Protein backbone atom coordinates (compact mmCIF):
# COMPACT_ATOMS: atom_id res chain seq x y z
CA MET A 1 -9.49 -52.28 59.02
CA PRO A 2 -13.22 -53.06 59.37
CA ASP A 3 -12.78 -57.03 58.57
CA ARG A 4 -10.74 -59.73 56.48
CA TRP A 5 -12.92 -58.89 53.37
CA TRP A 6 -14.60 -55.18 53.09
CA THR A 7 -15.29 -52.46 50.67
CA ARG A 8 -15.18 -48.87 50.37
CA LEU A 9 -17.54 -47.15 47.32
CA ILE A 10 -15.99 -44.31 46.01
CA SER A 11 -18.53 -41.43 44.46
CA ARG A 12 -17.02 -39.24 42.23
CA SER A 13 -18.03 -35.29 41.28
CA ASP A 14 -17.66 -35.21 37.74
CA GLY A 15 -20.93 -37.52 37.57
CA ALA A 16 -18.43 -40.93 36.16
CA LYS A 17 -19.71 -44.35 37.71
CA PRO A 18 -18.31 -44.39 41.02
CA VAL A 19 -15.38 -46.74 41.80
CA ARG A 20 -15.75 -49.63 44.70
CA PHE A 21 -12.52 -51.26 45.97
CA ILE A 22 -13.19 -54.77 47.85
CA MET A 23 -10.71 -55.88 49.92
CA ILE A 24 -10.16 -59.83 50.36
CA ASP A 25 -8.21 -61.87 52.50
CA THR A 26 -6.62 -64.08 50.17
CA SER A 27 -4.06 -65.85 52.93
CA PRO A 28 -6.95 -68.28 53.79
CA MET A 29 -7.38 -69.44 49.56
CA ILE A 30 -2.89 -70.08 49.76
CA ALA A 31 -3.34 -73.70 50.53
CA SER A 32 0.74 -74.62 51.33
CA TYR A 33 -0.47 -72.05 54.83
CA ARG A 34 -3.37 -74.93 55.58
CA ASP A 35 -0.66 -77.97 55.13
CA THR A 36 2.17 -76.54 55.86
CA ASP A 37 2.65 -72.82 57.98
CA SER A 38 1.87 -73.34 61.15
CA TYR A 39 2.71 -69.85 61.98
CA MET A 40 0.03 -68.64 59.74
CA HIS A 41 -3.07 -70.07 62.14
CA ASP A 42 -1.38 -70.93 65.30
CA HIS A 43 -2.36 -67.67 67.44
CA GLU A 44 -4.31 -64.74 68.04
CA GLY A 45 -5.62 -63.55 64.77
CA GLY A 46 -4.67 -65.65 62.56
CA ILE A 47 -6.06 -67.96 60.07
CA ASN A 48 -7.51 -70.91 61.38
CA ASP A 49 -11.11 -69.68 61.44
CA GLU A 50 -10.26 -68.06 57.83
CA TYR A 51 -10.59 -71.38 55.93
CA ASP A 52 -13.97 -72.35 56.98
CA ARG A 53 -14.96 -68.72 55.35
CA VAL A 54 -13.06 -69.57 52.26
CA GLU A 55 -16.38 -69.74 50.52
CA GLU A 56 -18.78 -67.65 52.18
CA GLN A 57 -15.99 -64.72 51.36
CA MET A 58 -16.62 -66.10 47.46
CA GLU A 59 -19.91 -65.21 47.35
CA TRP A 60 -20.34 -62.27 49.11
CA LEU A 61 -17.57 -61.41 46.63
CA GLU A 62 -19.39 -62.65 43.79
CA ALA A 63 -22.42 -60.55 45.38
CA GLN A 64 -19.94 -56.61 45.19
CA LEU A 65 -19.15 -57.27 41.66
CA ALA A 66 -22.22 -57.90 40.78
CA ILE A 67 -23.65 -54.72 42.00
CA PRO A 68 -24.13 -52.73 38.56
CA GLU A 69 -23.27 -49.36 37.17
CA GLU A 70 -19.48 -49.23 39.60
CA VAL A 71 -16.01 -49.43 38.52
CA LYS A 72 -14.80 -52.43 39.81
CA ILE A 73 -11.32 -52.51 41.77
CA VAL A 74 -10.33 -55.92 43.66
CA VAL A 75 -7.08 -55.66 46.07
CA GLY A 76 -6.16 -58.46 47.89
CA HIS A 77 -2.30 -59.80 49.53
CA HIS A 78 -0.91 -62.41 46.94
CA PRO A 79 -1.30 -61.80 44.18
CA ALA A 80 -3.69 -63.75 41.32
CA PHE A 81 -0.29 -63.83 38.46
CA SER A 82 3.10 -62.57 39.31
CA TYR A 83 6.09 -63.25 37.28
CA MET A 84 8.38 -63.83 39.81
CA ASP A 85 8.49 -67.96 40.87
CA TYR A 86 8.12 -67.61 44.45
CA GLY A 87 8.88 -70.68 45.68
CA SER A 88 6.02 -73.75 47.22
CA GLU A 89 3.34 -71.25 47.61
CA ASN A 90 -0.14 -72.60 45.99
CA ARG A 91 -1.71 -69.63 44.92
CA LYS A 92 -4.25 -72.22 42.25
CA PHE A 93 -7.27 -71.01 43.84
CA LEU A 94 -6.59 -67.34 43.83
CA GLU A 95 -5.61 -68.57 39.73
CA THR A 96 -8.75 -69.99 38.94
CA ARG A 97 -11.33 -69.09 41.20
CA VAL A 98 -10.80 -65.63 42.14
CA VAL A 99 -9.51 -64.63 38.89
CA ALA A 100 -13.02 -66.81 36.99
CA LEU A 101 -14.76 -64.30 39.00
CA LEU A 102 -12.76 -61.01 38.37
CA GLU A 103 -12.97 -61.66 34.49
CA LYS A 104 -16.89 -62.38 34.45
CA TYR A 105 -17.35 -59.06 36.11
CA GLU A 106 -14.53 -57.79 33.78
CA VAL A 107 -13.08 -56.46 36.91
CA LEU A 108 -10.97 -53.51 35.95
CA ALA A 109 -7.91 -54.64 38.06
CA TYR A 110 -6.35 -56.05 40.54
CA PHE A 111 -3.55 -55.05 42.98
CA ALA A 112 -1.38 -56.95 45.64
CA GLY A 113 1.96 -56.81 47.29
CA HIS A 114 3.56 -59.93 48.93
CA ASP A 115 6.23 -60.31 45.82
CA HIS A 116 8.06 -57.69 47.40
CA ASN A 117 8.82 -55.92 43.89
CA LEU A 118 6.54 -53.58 41.84
CA GLN A 119 4.79 -55.72 38.04
CA PHE A 120 2.25 -55.67 35.67
CA ALA A 121 1.82 -58.79 35.09
CA GLN A 122 -1.14 -59.08 32.74
CA PRO A 123 -1.68 -62.41 31.14
CA ARG A 124 -2.90 -62.25 27.89
CA LEU A 125 -6.85 -62.96 26.47
CA ARG A 126 -8.25 -61.12 30.44
CA SER A 127 -10.19 -57.95 30.95
CA THR A 128 -8.31 -57.51 34.15
CA SER A 129 -5.37 -55.90 34.65
CA TYR A 130 -3.16 -57.39 37.51
CA PHE A 131 -0.23 -55.30 39.73
CA VAL A 132 1.89 -56.24 42.02
CA SER A 133 2.87 -53.24 44.48
CA GLY A 134 5.24 -54.70 47.28
CA ALA A 135 7.84 -52.90 47.21
CA GLY A 136 8.15 -51.07 49.89
CA SER A 137 10.09 -53.24 52.02
CA ARG A 138 12.80 -56.18 51.81
CA LEU A 139 13.10 -56.59 48.22
CA ARG A 140 12.76 -59.47 46.57
CA ASP A 141 14.05 -61.53 43.54
CA GLY A 142 14.09 -64.89 42.40
CA PRO A 143 13.19 -66.85 39.56
CA VAL A 144 11.11 -65.07 36.99
CA LYS A 145 8.81 -67.72 35.70
CA THR A 146 7.82 -66.64 31.86
CA ALA A 147 9.95 -65.23 29.02
CA VAL A 148 11.51 -61.65 28.80
CA ASN A 149 9.65 -60.68 25.43
CA GLU A 150 5.80 -60.65 27.18
CA PHE A 151 6.71 -58.47 30.59
CA HIS A 152 5.10 -55.48 30.61
CA PHE A 153 7.15 -54.35 33.13
CA TYR A 154 8.97 -56.04 36.72
CA TYR A 155 10.76 -53.83 38.85
CA VAL A 156 13.38 -54.95 41.78
CA VAL A 157 13.81 -51.53 43.61
CA HIS A 158 12.00 -50.13 45.80
CA GLY A 159 9.37 -48.03 44.83
CA PHE A 160 5.18 -47.88 44.71
CA LEU A 161 2.60 -48.03 42.17
CA ALA A 162 0.14 -44.73 41.63
CA CYS A 163 -2.58 -44.34 40.32
CA THR A 164 -5.41 -42.21 39.08
CA ILE A 165 -8.67 -42.91 37.60
CA ASP A 166 -10.85 -40.93 35.46
CA ASP A 167 -14.51 -42.09 33.68
CA GLU A 168 -13.53 -45.49 33.43
CA GLN A 169 -9.72 -45.49 32.27
CA LEU A 170 -6.34 -45.74 35.03
CA THR A 171 -3.42 -44.98 34.62
CA VAL A 172 -0.98 -46.72 36.63
CA ALA A 173 2.30 -45.58 37.07
CA ALA A 174 4.97 -47.51 38.80
CA VAL A 175 7.59 -45.24 41.01
CA ASP A 176 11.17 -45.72 42.68
CA MET A 177 11.82 -44.21 45.59
CA TYR A 178 13.16 -41.70 44.45
CA GLY A 179 10.59 -40.40 42.56
CA LYS A 180 11.57 -41.63 39.24
CA LEU A 181 8.81 -43.65 36.63
CA LEU A 182 9.67 -46.26 35.57
CA ASN A 183 7.45 -47.02 33.46
CA HIS A 184 3.53 -46.78 33.18
CA ILE A 185 -0.02 -48.46 31.44
CA VAL A 186 -3.17 -46.83 31.19
CA VAL A 187 -6.12 -49.53 31.17
CA PRO A 188 -8.82 -48.31 29.37
């Protein structure tokens, strides 16, 4: 990776708007990492110095999102929204500050991992779609923090999300490790 946060613009031969992938560093945004999880920052390459750069990163993120005439997809390690209750992790910064920017600039999708499962967790009345694709290693299940009838999809299986984008429409498929299509969603 070229930096702790960075961007890549992909042009498309069909003349459609280019797609800007914006990678952010979510670890210094997790309050419990600063307070209790010293293993996250007490080594070379840790996040000690990144705590002081969160506001700089937020300004950079907004500048990237404000660039007109592009489709935007943001990628971070930690989910902004998740069906899984991940214990004591404090994601309030992501749920408020980052999500506010994603919604303000009508980002097409936000992708994360971390939860070790597959999810489409779009809260009601949101313009951005929120996905979790973390099922490539040890699976993690836990208490689910929403009613079953509010699930879009949530799978605790080894697998991945496969994505295609045509014009300004994103298709995301949840696929298990055997290639079986579990679910798919089209994001306009």
